[in-house]
């Protein structure tokens, strides 16, 4: 079977079987798995790629086979499909990564390549009960520990490769909107100077938090403007026009963008419908409450009010208690 057809089938199965929000999440992940998108994210957030072209990152350094084929991927061969997105240990439970893959980058001497384990997460809700930074650090720790499996007395820690956890956060409050932060290990000499150890031997974990504003405002930063173009609330044609101006081949994500726009409209419409339904229900309840209280004020017994209005006696008693 053609690999592209299999990938497309996985996505289509998700779109057919899941609810609208799950479908939307699946399409977001498919877009993030596109190497052309990942390359732009890595270019702006991963120091090892600062001097690399976007084309080289996408075509030479991201490992095409580094994400499990069991995860839904986009329909074309420029999409990555490699490391398992699920990390499971007996004592620590299961962590599911959105987009986890292996990439190589030029070493500091420029003569060899080094391995990087990278996780890219789409975080819909920024304001949660814990700092996103803590969760990102935990994901890094899991990726690092998973490289050596069971700890043994004579463990070869030379096998450890650097890990990155990059988070694209939506629905960010104004005070944090359109900001990007990097968190990493660094060395500080507390006494004397020690320069015999390479940074690559201790700087093994980095997290990057990208915070997108709720409003789609172009700020002149290619990465932020690209992500707003991909995931913001623009009209379909506006999205494609912006992505084209930013140099992205829109044909790579056109189908997924189409799915996303349709799902956004359906989610919004359903939200409006649910709001209207709740409003109608709330209005009817208030009307019943006012009627019951008026009847009680005029001396009608509670049980008689219940019989006339079909409202439970306990409910009427609660309303009366609240009023009094």
C-alpha atoms as a PDB file:
ATOM      1  CA  UNK A   1       0.000   0.000   0.000  1.00  0.00           C
ATOM      2  CA  UNK A   2       1.226   3.496  -0.812  1.00  0.00           C
ATOM      3  CA  UNK A   3       2.493   5.155   2.381  1.00  0.00           C
ATOM      4  CA  UNK A   4       0.802   8.426   1.495  1.00  0.00           C
ATOM      5  CA  UNK A   5      -2.576   6.718   1.095  1.00  0.00           C
ATOM      6  CA  UNK A   6      -2.161   5.036   4.469  1.00  0.00           C
ATOM      7  CA  UNK A   7      -1.304   8.343   6.114  1.00  0.00           C
ATOM      8  CA  UNK A   8      -4.272  10.025   4.518  1.00  0.00           C
ATOM      9  CA  UNK A   9      -6.528   7.199   5.660  1.00  0.00           C
ATOM     10  CA  UNK A  10      -5.459   7.643   9.280  1.00  0.00           C
ATOM     11  CA  UNK A  11      -6.325  11.330   9.168  1.00  0.00           C
ATOM     12  CA  UNK A  12      -9.621  10.737   7.402  1.00  0.00           C
ATOM     13  CA  UNK A  13     -10.574   8.054   9.949  1.00  0.00           C
ATOM     14  CA  UNK A  14      -9.978  10.556  12.736  1.00  0.00           C
ATOM     15  CA  UNK A  15     -12.062  13.164  10.964  1.00  0.00           C
ATOM     16  CA  UNK A  16     -14.891  10.687  10.536  1.00  0.00           C
ATOM     17  CA  UNK A  17     -14.929   9.158  14.025  1.00  0.00           C
ATOM     18  CA  UNK A  18     -14.056  11.916  16.527  1.00  0.00           C
ATOM     19  CA  UNK A  19     -15.978  14.935  17.783  1.00  0.00           C
ATOM     20  CA  UNK A  20     -15.251  18.342  16.290  1.00  0.00           C
ATOM     21  CA  UNK A  21     -12.704  19.453  18.894  1.00  0.00           C
ATOM     22  CA  UNK A  22     -10.785  16.162  18.660  1.00  0.00           C
ATOM     23  CA  UNK A  23     -10.835  16.480  14.876  1.00  0.00           C
ATOM     24  CA  UNK A  24      -9.497  20.031  15.149  1.00  0.00           C
ATOM     25  CA  UNK A  25      -6.665  18.825  17.410  1.00  0.00           C
ATOM     26  CA  UNK A  26      -5.813  16.043  14.940  1.00  0.00           C
ATOM     27  CA  UNK A  27      -5.592  18.512  12.056  1.00  0.00           C
ATOM     28  CA  UNK A  28      -3.381  20.840  14.149  1.00  0.00           C
ATOM     29  CA  UNK A  29      -0.979  17.966  14.799  1.00  0.00           C
ATOM     30  CA  UNK A  30      -0.924  17.055  11.116  1.00  0.00           C
ATOM     31  CA  UNK A  31       0.041  20.605  10.233  1.00  0.00           C
ATOM     32  CA  UNK A  32       2.772  20.661  12.899  1.00  0.00           C
ATOM     33  CA  UNK A  33       4.190  17.392  11.545  1.00  0.00           C
ATOM     34  CA  UNK A  34       4.868  19.009   8.182  1.00  0.00           C
ATOM     35  CA  UNK A  35       8.632  19.359   7.839  1.00  0.00           C
ATOM     36  CA  UNK A  36       8.332  22.778   6.194  1.00  0.00           C
ATOM     37  CA  UNK A  37       6.501  24.028   9.303  1.00  0.00           C
ATOM     38  CA  UNK A  38       8.834  22.324  11.777  1.00  0.00           C
ATOM     39  CA  UNK A  39      11.878  23.711   9.977  1.00  0.00           C
ATOM     40  CA  UNK A  40      10.646  27.260  10.495  1.00  0.00           C
ATOM     41  CA  UNK A  41       9.973  26.610  14.164  1.00  0.00           C
ATOM     42  CA  UNK A  42      13.415  25.061  14.665  1.00  0.00           C
ATOM     43  CA  UNK A  43      15.152  27.852  12.784  1.00  0.00           C
ATOM     44  CA  UNK A  44      13.794  30.455  15.219  1.00  0.00           C
ATOM     45  CA  UNK A  45      13.933  28.498  18.485  1.00  0.00           C
ATOM     46  CA  UNK A  46      16.763  25.934  18.389  1.00  0.00           C
ATOM     47  CA  UNK A  47      20.223  27.487  18.643  1.00  0.00           C
ATOM     48  CA  UNK A  48      21.867  24.630  16.735  1.00  0.00           C
ATOM     49  CA  UNK A  49      19.982  25.717  13.595  1.00  0.00           C
ATOM     50  CA  UNK A  50      20.574  29.466  13.838  1.00  0.00           C
ATOM     51  CA  UNK A  51      23.005  29.427  10.906  1.00  0.00           C
ATOM     52  CA  UNK A  52      21.169  26.802   8.843  1.00  0.00           C
ATOM     53  CA  UNK A  53      18.753  27.486   6.014  1.00  0.00           C
ATOM     54  CA  UNK A  54      15.112  26.442   6.374  1.00  0.00           C
ATOM     55  CA  UNK A  55      15.558  24.178   3.339  1.00  0.00           C
ATOM     56  CA  UNK A  56      18.528  22.366   4.923  1.00  0.00           C
ATOM     57  CA  UNK A  57      16.697  21.906   8.226  1.00  0.00           C
ATOM     58  CA  UNK A  58      13.684  20.411   6.446  1.00  0.00           C
ATOM     59  CA  UNK A  59      15.515  18.299   3.870  1.00  0.00           C
ATOM     60  CA  UNK A  60      18.852  17.393   5.493  1.00  0.00           C
ATOM     61  CA  UNK A  61      18.460  17.455   9.260  1.00  0.00           C
ATOM     62  CA  UNK A  62      14.932  16.392  10.246  1.00  0.00           C
ATOM     63  CA  UNK A  63      14.803  12.586  10.128  1.00  0.00           C
ATOM     64  CA  UNK A  64      11.865  11.627   7.834  1.00  0.00           C
ATOM     65  CA  UNK A  65      11.334   8.253   9.532  1.00  0.00           C
ATOM     66  CA  UNK A  66      11.498   9.439  13.131  1.00  0.00           C
ATOM     67  CA  UNK A  67       7.790   9.331  14.083  1.00  0.00           C
ATOM     68  CA  UNK A  68       5.659   6.223  14.444  1.00  0.00           C
ATOM     69  CA  UNK A  69       3.572   5.373  11.383  1.00  0.00           C
ATOM     70  CA  UNK A  70       0.697   4.605  13.770  1.00  0.00           C
ATOM     71  CA  UNK A  71       0.213   8.321  14.443  1.00  0.00           C
ATOM     72  CA  UNK A  72      -1.906  10.335  11.996  1.00  0.00           C
ATOM     73  CA  UNK A  73       0.249  12.249   9.516  1.00  0.00           C
ATOM     74  CA  UNK A  74      -0.436  14.401   6.492  1.00  0.00           C
ATOM     75  CA  UNK A  75      -0.846  13.022   3.032  1.00  0.00           C
ATOM     76  CA  UNK A  76       2.549  13.833   1.490  1.00  0.00           C
ATOM     77  CA  UNK A  77       6.111  12.589   1.834  1.00  0.00           C
ATOM     78  CA  UNK A  78       7.416  15.890   3.199  1.00  0.00           C
ATOM     79  CA  UNK A  79       5.614  15.037   6.414  1.00  0.00           C
ATOM     80  CA  UNK A  80       7.656  13.315   9.119  1.00  0.00           C
ATOM     81  CA  UNK A  81       6.686   9.957  10.576  1.00  0.00           C
ATOM     82  CA  UNK A  82       9.107   8.535  13.204  1.00  0.00           C
ATOM     83  CA  UNK A  83       9.662   8.164  16.996  1.00  0.00           C
ATOM     84  CA  UNK A  84       6.830   6.793  19.101  1.00  0.00           C
ATOM     85  CA  UNK A  85       4.738   9.657  20.424  1.00  0.00           C
ATOM     86  CA  UNK A  86       4.006   7.677  23.609  1.00  0.00           C
ATOM     87  CA  UNK A  87       6.506   7.221  26.438  1.00  0.00           C
ATOM     88  CA  UNK A  88       5.563   4.657  29.070  1.00  0.00           C
ATOM     89  CA  UNK A  89       7.301   3.540  32.254  1.00  0.00           C
ATOM     90  CA  UNK A  90       6.118   1.257  35.037  1.00  0.00           C
ATOM     91  CA  UNK A  91       6.399   3.788  37.851  1.00  0.00           C
ATOM     92  CA  UNK A  92       5.769   7.068  36.029  1.00  0.00           C
ATOM     93  CA  UNK A  93       2.797   6.309  33.794  1.00  0.00           C
ATOM     94  CA  UNK A  94       2.295   7.345  30.188  1.00  0.00           C
ATOM     95  CA  UNK A  95       3.174  10.625  28.497  1.00  0.00           C
ATOM     96  CA  UNK A  96       1.778  11.288  25.029  1.00  0.00           C
ATOM     97  CA  UNK A  97       3.720  13.729  22.896  1.00  0.00           C
ATOM     98  CA  UNK A  98       2.044  15.703  20.101  1.00  0.00           C
ATOM     99  CA  UNK A  99       4.942  15.670  17.628  1.00  0.00           C
ATOM    100  CA  UNK A 100       8.108  13.857  18.692  1.00  0.00           C
ATOM    101  CA  UNK A 101      10.966  13.319  16.258  1.00  0.00           C
ATOM    102  CA  UNK A 102      14.700  12.980  15.793  1.00  0.00           C
ATOM    103  CA  UNK A 103      16.775  15.608  14.001  1.00  0.00           C
ATOM    104  CA  UNK A 104      20.476  16.097  13.389  1.00  0.00           C
ATOM    105  CA  UNK A 105      22.403  19.330  13.507  1.00  0.00           C
ATOM    106  CA  UNK A 106      25.961  20.394  12.722  1.00  0.00           C
ATOM    107  CA  UNK A 107      28.286  19.979  15.695  1.00  0.00           C
ATOM    108  CA  UNK A 108      30.227  22.932  17.062  1.00  0.00           C
ATOM    109  CA  UNK A 109      33.282  21.899  15.046  1.00  0.00           C
ATOM    110  CA  UNK A 110      31.176  21.863  11.889  1.00  0.00           C
ATOM    111  CA  UNK A 111      32.607  18.506  10.840  1.00  0.00           C
ATOM    112  CA  UNK A 112      30.083  16.069  12.281  1.00  0.00           C
ATOM    113  CA  UNK A 113      26.378  15.780  13.073  1.00  0.00           C
ATOM    114  CA  UNK A 114      24.803  15.438  16.504  1.00  0.00           C
ATOM    115  CA  UNK A 115      21.417  13.956  17.407  1.00  0.00           C
ATOM    116  CA  UNK A 116      18.593  16.035  18.864  1.00  0.00           C
ATOM    117  CA  UNK A 117      15.365  14.605  20.283  1.00  0.00           C
ATOM    118  CA  UNK A 118      12.604  17.157  19.790  1.00  0.00           C
ATOM    119  CA  UNK A 119       9.017  17.387  20.969  1.00  0.00           C
ATOM    120  CA  UNK A 120       6.607  20.052  19.654  1.00  0.00           C
ATOM    121  CA  UNK A 121       3.371  20.553  21.593  1.00  0.00           C
ATOM    122  CA  UNK A 122       0.223  22.494  20.705  1.00  0.00           C
ATOM    123  CA  UNK A 123      -1.231  23.851  23.960  1.00  0.00           C
ATOM    124  CA  UNK A 124      -4.777  25.115  23.469  1.00  0.00           C
ATOM    125  CA  UNK A 125      -5.249  26.526  26.975  1.00  0.00           C
ATOM    126  CA  UNK A 126      -2.386  28.597  28.355  1.00  0.00           C
ATOM    127  CA  UNK A 127      -3.890  29.481  31.746  1.00  0.00           C
ATOM    128  CA  UNK A 128      -4.015  26.128  33.525  1.00  0.00           C
ATOM    129  CA  UNK A 129      -3.483  25.031  37.131  1.00  0.00           C
ATOM    130  CA  UNK A 130       0.282  24.677  36.689  1.00  0.00           C
ATOM    131  CA  UNK A 131       3.043  26.579  34.858  1.00  0.00           C
ATOM    132  CA  UNK A 132       3.482  25.284  31.295  1.00  0.00           C
ATOM    133  CA  UNK A 133       7.226  25.609  31.892  1.00  0.00           C
ATOM    134  CA  UNK A 134       7.114  22.859  34.531  1.00  0.00           C
ATOM    135  CA  UNK A 135       5.311  20.477  32.212  1.00  0.00           C
ATOM    136  CA  UNK A 136       7.774  21.240  29.412  1.00  0.00           C
ATOM    137  CA  UNK A 137      10.708  20.494  31.737  1.00  0.00           C
ATOM    138  CA  UNK A 138       9.074  17.193  32.708  1.00  0.00           C
ATOM    139  CA  UNK A 139       8.646  16.236  29.039  1.00  0.00           C
ATOM    140  CA  UNK A 140      12.345  16.946  28.498  1.00  0.00           C
ATOM    141  CA  UNK A 141      13.263  14.768  31.458  1.00  0.00           C
ATOM    142  CA  UNK A 142      11.155  11.910  30.104  1.00  0.00           C
ATOM    143  CA  UNK A 143      12.764  12.164  26.665  1.00  0.00           C
ATOM    144  CA  UNK A 144      16.202  12.166  28.255  1.00  0.00           C
ATOM    145  CA  UNK A 145      15.577   9.194  30.542  1.00  0.00           C
ATOM    146  CA  UNK A 146      13.905   7.163  27.778  1.00  0.00           C
ATOM    147  CA  UNK A 147      17.182   7.132  25.826  1.00  0.00           C
ATOM    148  CA  UNK A 148      18.875   4.786  28.294  1.00  0.00           C
ATOM    149  CA  UNK A 149      15.981   2.635  29.517  1.00  0.00           C
ATOM    150  CA  UNK A 150      16.620   0.852  32.827  1.00  0.00           C
ATOM    151  CA  UNK A 151      19.263   2.447  35.048  1.00  0.00           C
ATOM    152  CA  UNK A 152      22.190   0.109  35.784  1.00  0.00           C
ATOM    153  CA  UNK A 153      25.228   0.447  37.999  1.00  0.00           C
ATOM    154  CA  UNK A 154      27.646   0.657  35.086  1.00  0.00           C
ATOM    155  CA  UNK A 155      25.579   2.897  32.834  1.00  0.00           C
ATOM    156  CA  UNK A 156      27.134   4.542  29.794  1.00  0.00           C
ATOM    157  CA  UNK A 157      25.780   8.075  29.997  1.00  0.00           C
ATOM    158  CA  UNK A 158      27.645   9.017  26.825  1.00  0.00           C
ATOM    159  CA  UNK A 159      24.620   7.759  24.873  1.00  0.00           C
ATOM    160  CA  UNK A 160      22.487  10.694  26.032  1.00  0.00           C
ATOM    161  CA  UNK A 161      21.540  13.211  23.338  1.00  0.00           C
ATOM    162  CA  UNK A 162      20.157  16.707  23.818  1.00  0.00           C
ATOM    163  CA  UNK A 163      16.382  17.115  24.044  1.00  0.00           C
ATOM    164  CA  UNK A 164      14.053  20.001  23.251  1.00  0.00           C
ATOM    165  CA  UNK A 165      10.420  20.512  24.228  1.00  0.00           C
ATOM    166  CA  UNK A 166       8.830  23.339  22.221  1.00  0.00           C
ATOM    167  CA  UNK A 167       5.332  24.537  23.135  1.00  0.00           C
ATOM    168  CA  UNK A 168       3.050  26.577  20.879  1.00  0.00           C
ATOM    169  CA  UNK A 169       0.486  28.119  23.239  1.00  0.00           C
ATOM    170  CA  UNK A 170      -2.842  29.579  22.147  1.00  0.00           C
ATOM    171  CA  UNK A 171      -5.394  31.715  23.993  1.00  0.00           C
ATOM    172  CA  UNK A 172      -2.655  33.649  25.821  1.00  0.00           C
ATOM    173  CA  UNK A 173      -3.529  36.694  28.000  1.00  0.00           C
ATOM    174  CA  UNK A 174      -2.362  40.113  26.813  1.00  0.00           C
ATOM    175  CA  UNK A 175       0.496  40.415  29.300  1.00  0.00           C
ATOM    176  CA  UNK A 176       2.225  37.373  27.750  1.00  0.00           C
ATOM    177  CA  UNK A 177       0.966  37.554  24.152  1.00  0.00           C
ATOM    178  CA  UNK A 178       3.393  37.227  21.236  1.00  0.00           C
ATOM    179  CA  UNK A 179       6.401  36.318  23.355  1.00  0.00           C
ATOM    180  CA  UNK A 180       8.924  33.495  23.031  1.00  0.00           C
ATOM    181  CA  UNK A 181      11.042  32.281  25.970  1.00  0.00           C
ATOM    182  CA  UNK A 182      13.877  29.780  26.127  1.00  0.00           C
ATOM    183  CA  UNK A 183      14.862  27.891  29.288  1.00  0.00           C
ATOM    184  CA  UNK A 184      18.129  25.963  29.426  1.00  0.00           C
ATOM    185  CA  UNK A 185      20.998  24.649  31.559  1.00  0.00           C
ATOM    186  CA  UNK A 186      24.028  26.859  31.969  1.00  0.00           C
ATOM    187  CA  UNK A 187      27.278  26.647  33.943  1.00  0.00           C
ATOM    188  CA  UNK A 188      28.198  29.053  36.716  1.00  0.00           C
ATOM    189  CA  UNK A 189      31.617  28.870  38.366  1.00  0.00           C
ATOM    190  CA  UNK A 190      31.126  29.499  42.085  1.00  0.00           C
ATOM    191  CA  UNK A 191      34.855  29.403  42.833  1.00  0.00           C
ATOM    192  CA  UNK A 192      37.653  29.819  40.313  1.00  0.00           C
ATOM    193  CA  UNK A 193      37.340  29.095  36.583  1.00  0.00           C
ATOM    194  CA  UNK A 194      36.754  25.659  35.103  1.00  0.00           C
ATOM    195  CA  UNK A 195      36.615  25.392  31.326  1.00  0.00           C
ATOM    196  CA  UNK A 196      37.473  21.746  30.671  1.00  0.00           C
ATOM    197  CA  UNK A 197      33.934  20.523  30.112  1.00  0.00           C
ATOM    198  CA  UNK A 198      32.037  21.193  26.898  1.00  0.00           C
ATOM    199  CA  UNK A 199      28.594  22.790  27.002  1.00  0.00           C
ATOM    200  CA  UNK A 200      27.290  19.840  24.996  1.00  0.00           C
ATOM    201  CA  UNK A 201      28.098  17.572  27.964  1.00  0.00           C
ATOM    202  CA  UNK A 202      25.816  19.371  30.431  1.00  0.00           C
ATOM    203  CA  UNK A 203      23.397  21.445  28.350  1.00  0.00           C
ATOM    204  CA  UNK A 204      21.164  18.474  27.567  1.00  0.00           C
ATOM    205  CA  UNK A 205      17.696  19.969  28.041  1.00  0.00           C
ATOM    206  CA  UNK A 206      16.027  23.069  26.642  1.00  0.00           C
ATOM    207  CA  UNK A 207      12.424  24.182  26.613  1.00  0.00           C
ATOM    208  CA  UNK A 208      10.906  26.889  24.439  1.00  0.00           C
ATOM    209  CA  UNK A 209       7.495  28.468  25.078  1.00  0.00           C
ATOM    210  CA  UNK A 210       5.840  30.302  22.169  1.00  0.00           C
ATOM    211  CA  UNK A 211       2.850  32.375  23.301  1.00  0.00           C
ATOM    212  CA  UNK A 212       0.426  33.513  20.617  1.00  0.00           C
ATOM    213  CA  UNK A 213      -1.998  36.378  21.183  1.00  0.00           C
ATOM    214  CA  UNK A 214      -5.743  35.789  21.100  1.00  0.00           C
ATOM    215  CA  UNK A 215      -6.083  38.425  18.387  1.00  0.00           C
ATOM    216  CA  UNK A 216      -4.489  37.862  15.012  1.00  0.00           C
ATOM    217  CA  UNK A 217      -2.038  40.752  14.803  1.00  0.00           C
ATOM    218  CA  UNK A 218       0.983  40.706  12.516  1.00  0.00           C
ATOM    219  CA  UNK A 219       4.041  41.807  14.492  1.00  0.00           C
ATOM    220  CA  UNK A 220       6.692  41.457  11.795  1.00  0.00           C
ATOM    221  CA  UNK A 221       8.177  38.283  13.234  1.00  0.00           C
ATOM    222  CA  UNK A 222       8.123  35.494  10.647  1.00  0.00           C
ATOM    223  CA  UNK A 223       7.510  32.688  13.153  1.00  0.00           C
ATOM    224  CA  UNK A 224       4.703  34.394  15.095  1.00  0.00           C
ATOM    225  CA  UNK A 225       3.059  35.628  11.891  1.00  0.00           C
ATOM    226  CA  UNK A 226       3.318  32.133  10.371  1.00  0.00           C
ATOM    227  CA  UNK A 227       1.729  30.453  13.390  1.00  0.00           C
ATOM    228  CA  UNK A 228      -1.068  33.020  13.446  1.00  0.00           C
ATOM    229  CA  UNK A 229      -1.570  32.338   9.751  1.00  0.00           C
ATOM    230  CA  UNK A 230      -1.791  28.616  10.388  1.00  0.00           C
ATOM    231  CA  UNK A 231      -3.880  28.584  13.552  1.00  0.00           C
ATOM    232  CA  UNK A 232      -5.408  32.055  13.912  1.00  0.00           C
ATOM    233  CA  UNK A 233      -8.965  33.177  13.214  1.00  0.00           C
ATOM    234  CA  UNK A 234      -8.341  34.515   9.717  1.00  0.00           C
ATOM    235  CA  UNK A 235     -10.602  33.672   6.809  1.00  0.00           C
ATOM    236  CA  UNK A 236      -9.416  30.765   4.676  1.00  0.00           C
ATOM    237  CA  UNK A 237      -8.163  32.878   1.756  1.00  0.00           C
ATOM    238  CA  UNK A 238      -6.456  35.320   4.124  1.00  0.00           C
ATOM    239  CA  UNK A 239      -4.606  32.421   5.733  1.00  0.00           C
ATOM    240  CA  UNK A 240      -3.337  31.129   2.405  1.00  0.00           C
ATOM    241  CA  UNK A 241      -2.342  34.622   1.270  1.00  0.00           C
ATOM    242  CA  UNK A 242      -0.329  35.248   4.423  1.00  0.00           C
ATOM    243  CA  UNK A 243       1.392  31.858   4.293  1.00  0.00           C
ATOM    244  CA  UNK A 244       2.291  32.451   0.658  1.00  0.00           C
ATOM    245  CA  UNK A 245       3.817  35.862   1.501  1.00  0.00           C
ATOM    246  CA  UNK A 246       5.878  34.210   4.238  1.00  0.00           C
ATOM    247  CA  UNK A 247       7.353  31.817   1.671  1.00  0.00           C
ATOM    248  CA  UNK A 248       5.466  28.651   2.624  1.00  0.00           C
ATOM    249  CA  UNK A 249       4.271  26.328  -0.131  1.00  0.00           C
ATOM    250  CA  UNK A 250       0.573  26.435   0.759  1.00  0.00           C
ATOM    251  CA  UNK A 251      -0.132  23.260  -1.211  1.00  0.00           C
ATOM    252  CA  UNK A 252       1.596  21.347   1.612  1.00  0.00           C
ATOM    253  CA  UNK A 253      -1.132  22.291   4.086  1.00  0.00           C
ATOM    254  CA  UNK A 254      -4.036  23.405   1.887  1.00  0.00           C
ATOM    255  CA  UNK A 255      -6.233  20.388   2.635  1.00  0.00           C
ATOM    256  CA  UNK A 256      -5.543  20.547   6.369  1.00  0.00           C
ATOM    257  CA  UNK A 257      -6.241  24.309   6.393  1.00  0.00           C
ATOM    258  CA  UNK A 258      -9.544  23.618   4.660  1.00  0.00           C
ATOM    259  CA  UNK A 259     -10.432  21.037   7.328  1.00  0.00           C
ATOM    260  CA  UNK A 260      -9.405  23.457  10.078  1.00  0.00           C
ATOM    261  CA  UNK A 261     -11.509  26.346   8.803  1.00  0.00           C
ATOM    262  CA  UNK A 262     -14.578  24.126   8.421  1.00  0.00           C
ATOM    263  CA  UNK A 263     -14.116  22.689  11.914  1.00  0.00           C
ATOM    264  CA  UNK A 264     -13.635  26.172  13.420  1.00  0.00           C
ATOM    265  CA  UNK A 265     -16.918  27.302  11.916  1.00  0.00           C
ATOM    266  CA  UNK A 266     -18.717  24.205  13.191  1.00  0.00           C
ATOM    267  CA  UNK A 267     -17.286  24.557  16.699  1.00  0.00           C
ATOM    268  CA  UNK A 268     -18.282  28.247  16.775  1.00  0.00           C
ATOM    269  CA  UNK A 269     -21.772  27.546  15.446  1.00  0.00           C
ATOM    270  CA  UNK A 270     -22.272  24.740  17.950  1.00  0.00           C
ATOM    271  CA  UNK A 271     -21.080  27.003  20.760  1.00  0.00           C
ATOM    272  CA  UNK A 272     -23.598  29.654  19.759  1.00  0.00           C
ATOM    273  CA  UNK A 273     -26.361  27.053  19.585  1.00  0.00           C
ATOM    274  CA  UNK A 274     -25.466  25.714  23.018  1.00  0.00           C
ATOM    275  CA  UNK A 275     -25.371  29.245  24.407  1.00  0.00           C
ATOM    276  CA  UNK A 276     -28.836  29.971  23.042  1.00  0.00           C
ATOM    277  CA  UNK A 277     -30.146  26.678  24.430  1.00  0.00           C
ATOM    278  CA  UNK A 278     -28.685  27.420  27.869  1.00  0.00           C
ATOM    279  CA  UNK A 279     -30.120  30.932  27.719  1.00  0.00           C
ATOM    280  CA  UNK A 280     -33.586  29.617  26.909  1.00  0.00           C
ATOM    281  CA  UNK A 281     -33.373  27.046  29.695  1.00  0.00           C
ATOM    282  CA  UNK A 282     -32.122  29.658  32.163  1.00  0.00           C
ATOM    283  CA  UNK A 283     -34.866  32.072  31.147  1.00  0.00           C
ATOM    284  CA  UNK A 284     -37.551  29.431  31.621  1.00  0.00           C
ATOM    285  CA  UNK A 285     -36.187  28.547  35.052  1.00  0.00           C
ATOM    286  CA  UNK A 286     -36.178  32.185  36.167  1.00  0.00           C
ATOM    287  CA  UNK A 287     -39.738  32.634  34.937  1.00  0.00           C
ATOM    288  CA  UNK A 288     -40.866  29.592  36.943  1.00  0.00           C
ATOM    289  CA  UNK A 289     -39.053  30.870  40.011  1.00  0.00           C
ATOM    290  CA  UNK A 290     -40.696  34.311  39.812  1.00  0.00           C
ATOM    291  CA  UNK A 291     -44.135  32.766  39.308  1.00  0.00           C
ATOM    292  CA  UNK A 292     -43.727  30.414  42.281  1.00  0.00           C
ATOM    293  CA  UNK A 293     -42.534  33.251  44.554  1.00  0.00           C
ATOM    294  CA  UNK A 294     -45.405  35.514  43.527  1.00  0.00           C
ATOM    295  CA  UNK A 295     -47.949  32.783  44.248  1.00  0.00           C
ATOM    296  CA  UNK A 296     -46.337  32.113  47.633  1.00  0.00           C
ATOM    297  CA  UNK A 297     -46.370  35.848  48.462  1.00  0.00           C
ATOM    298  CA  UNK A 298     -50.111  35.947  47.769  1.00  0.00           C
ATOM    299  CA  UNK A 299     -50.657  33.109  50.238  1.00  0.00           C
ATOM    300  CA  UNK A 300     -50.850  30.082  47.974  1.00  0.00           C
ATOM    301  CA  UNK A 301     -49.655  26.943  49.842  1.00  0.00           C
ATOM    302  CA  UNK A 302     -46.384  25.441  48.591  1.00  0.00           C
ATOM    303  CA  UNK A 303     -47.941  22.084  47.753  1.00  0.00           C
ATOM    304  CA  UNK A 304     -50.663  23.785  45.707  1.00  0.00           C
ATOM    305  CA  UNK A 305     -48.014  25.843  43.871  1.00  0.00           C
ATOM    306  CA  UNK A 306     -46.234  22.610  43.060  1.00  0.00           C
ATOM    307  CA  UNK A 307     -49.387  21.008  41.689  1.00  0.00           C
ATOM    308  CA  UNK A 308     -50.278  24.062  39.558  1.00  0.00           C
ATOM    309  CA  UNK A 309     -46.793  24.688  38.135  1.00  0.00           C
ATOM    310  CA  UNK A 310     -45.346  21.144  38.099  1.00  0.00           C
ATOM    311  CA  UNK A 311     -42.351  22.365  40.120  1.00  0.00           C
ATOM    312  CA  UNK A 312     -40.881  20.100  42.809  1.00  0.00           C
ATOM    313  CA  UNK A 313     -41.812  21.085  46.376  1.00  0.00           C
ATOM    314  CA  UNK A 314     -38.172  21.030  47.533  1.00  0.00           C
ATOM    315  CA  UNK A 315     -37.196  23.383  44.714  1.00  0.00           C
ATOM    316  CA  UNK A 316     -39.920  25.850  45.718  1.00  0.00           C
ATOM    317  CA  UNK A 317     -38.810  25.685  49.355  1.00  0.00           C
ATOM    318  CA  UNK A 318     -35.195  26.402  48.316  1.00  0.00           C
ATOM    319  CA  UNK A 319     -36.301  29.456  46.293  1.00  0.00           C
ATOM    320  CA  UNK A 320     -38.328  30.737  49.228  1.00  0.00           C
ATOM    321  CA  UNK A 321     -35.381  30.249  51.605  1.00  0.00           C
ATOM    322  CA  UNK A 322     -33.077  32.123  49.247  1.00  0.00           C
ATOM    323  CA  UNK A 323     -35.562  34.972  48.915  1.00  0.00           C
ATOM    324  CA  UNK A 324     -36.074  35.291  52.643  1.00  0.00           C
END
